[in-house]
Amino acid sequence: MKLTAIVNAVKQDNDYVTLIVGNPDKQAAEEALDKIIDRIVCRQRQKDMSLYKEYMNEDFKINFRSLVTRMIETPSLVTR
């Protein structure tokens, strides 16, 4: 599943470990997470243009980021 691969890629990203995990500044962590998700989706676009096209829609982007964040925070939602 594409979404699971993106969630796992975010969790394995070096910036995720250094800028998100344990960061007490929730706003800074959220902004950093948005940038990480953007970067991974852009990388993924080479494999799947349909996801990238959807991601260009602002409403989709907001909902997608929220879903990825929830999946990161709830590991039981992510299957390998």
Protein backbone atom coordinates (compact mmCIF):
# COMPACT_ATOMS: atom_id res chain seq x y z
CA MET A 1 0.00 0.00 0.00
CA LYS A 2 1.35 3.41 -0.95
CA LEU A 3 0.26 5.14 2.24
CA THR A 4 2.03 2.62 4.46
CA ALA A 5 5.23 3.03 2.42
CA ILE A 6 5.04 6.80 2.83
CA VAL A 7 4.44 6.54 6.59
CA ASN A 8 7.40 4.19 6.95
CA ALA A 9 9.59 6.47 4.81
CA VAL A 10 8.69 9.45 7.04
CA LYS A 11 9.53 7.50 10.19
CA GLN A 12 12.90 6.47 8.73
CA ASP A 13 13.82 9.97 7.54
CA ASN A 14 16.80 11.49 9.37
CA ASP A 15 14.95 14.80 9.81
CA TYR A 16 12.03 12.97 11.44
CA VAL A 17 14.35 11.55 14.08
CA THR A 18 16.17 14.83 14.73
CA LEU A 19 13.37 17.39 14.28
CA ILE A 20 10.17 15.61 15.29
CA VAL A 21 10.81 12.88 17.84
CA GLY A 22 10.86 14.40 21.31
CA ASN A 23 10.51 17.98 20.09
CA PRO A 24 8.60 19.92 22.76
CA ASP A 25 7.77 22.71 20.27
CA LYS A 26 4.67 21.19 18.68
CA GLN A 27 4.30 23.91 16.04
CA ALA A 28 7.90 23.57 14.87
CA ALA A 29 7.55 19.78 14.84
CA GLU A 30 4.35 20.02 12.78
CA GLU A 31 5.98 22.37 10.26
CA ALA A 32 9.00 20.08 9.96
CA LEU A 33 6.75 17.06 9.52
CA ASP A 34 4.84 18.82 6.74
CA LYS A 35 8.12 19.46 4.92
CA ILE A 36 9.22 15.85 5.35
CA ILE A 37 5.89 14.57 3.99
CA ASP A 38 6.11 17.01 1.05
CA ARG A 39 9.62 15.80 0.25
CA ILE A 40 8.67 12.13 0.38
CA VAL A 41 5.54 12.63 -1.74
CA CYS A 42 7.64 14.48 -4.33
CA ARG A 43 10.12 11.61 -4.34
CA GLN A 44 7.24 9.16 -4.70
CA ARG A 45 5.81 11.04 -7.68
CA GLN A 46 8.43 9.49 -9.93
CA LYS A 47 6.82 6.14 -9.17
CA ASP A 48 3.19 7.24 -9.07
CA MET A 49 1.98 10.44 -10.75
CA SER A 50 -1.63 9.89 -9.66
CA LEU A 51 -0.75 10.44 -5.99
CA TYR A 52 1.31 13.51 -6.84
CA LYS A 53 -1.55 15.02 -8.88
CA GLU A 54 -3.95 14.52 -5.96
CA TYR A 55 -1.39 15.97 -3.57
CA MET A 56 -1.39 19.25 -5.49
CA ASN A 57 -4.98 19.83 -4.27
CA GLU A 58 -4.72 21.80 -1.00
CA ASP A 59 -7.65 20.01 0.70
CA PHE A 60 -6.23 16.61 -0.22
CA LYS A 61 -2.78 17.70 1.03
CA ILE A 62 -4.14 18.80 4.41
CA ASN A 63 -6.13 15.58 4.87
CA PHE A 64 -3.24 13.44 3.65
CA ARG A 65 -0.78 15.07 6.07
CA SER A 66 -3.27 14.56 8.90
CA LEU A 67 -3.69 10.89 8.03
CA VAL A 68 0.06 10.29 7.81
CA THR A 69 0.52 12.02 11.17
CA ARG A 70 -2.16 9.86 12.80
CA MET A 71 -0.63 6.71 11.35
CA ILE A 72 2.79 7.68 12.70
CA GLU A 73 1.31 8.33 16.13
CA THR A 74 -0.64 5.03 16.06
CA PRO A 75 1.77 2.29 14.93
CA SER A 76 -0.96 -0.35 15.03
CA LEU A 77 -2.51 1.33 11.96
CA VAL A 78 0.60 0.60 9.90
CA THR A 79 1.22 -2.88 8.60
CA ARG A 80 4.43 -3.74 6.85
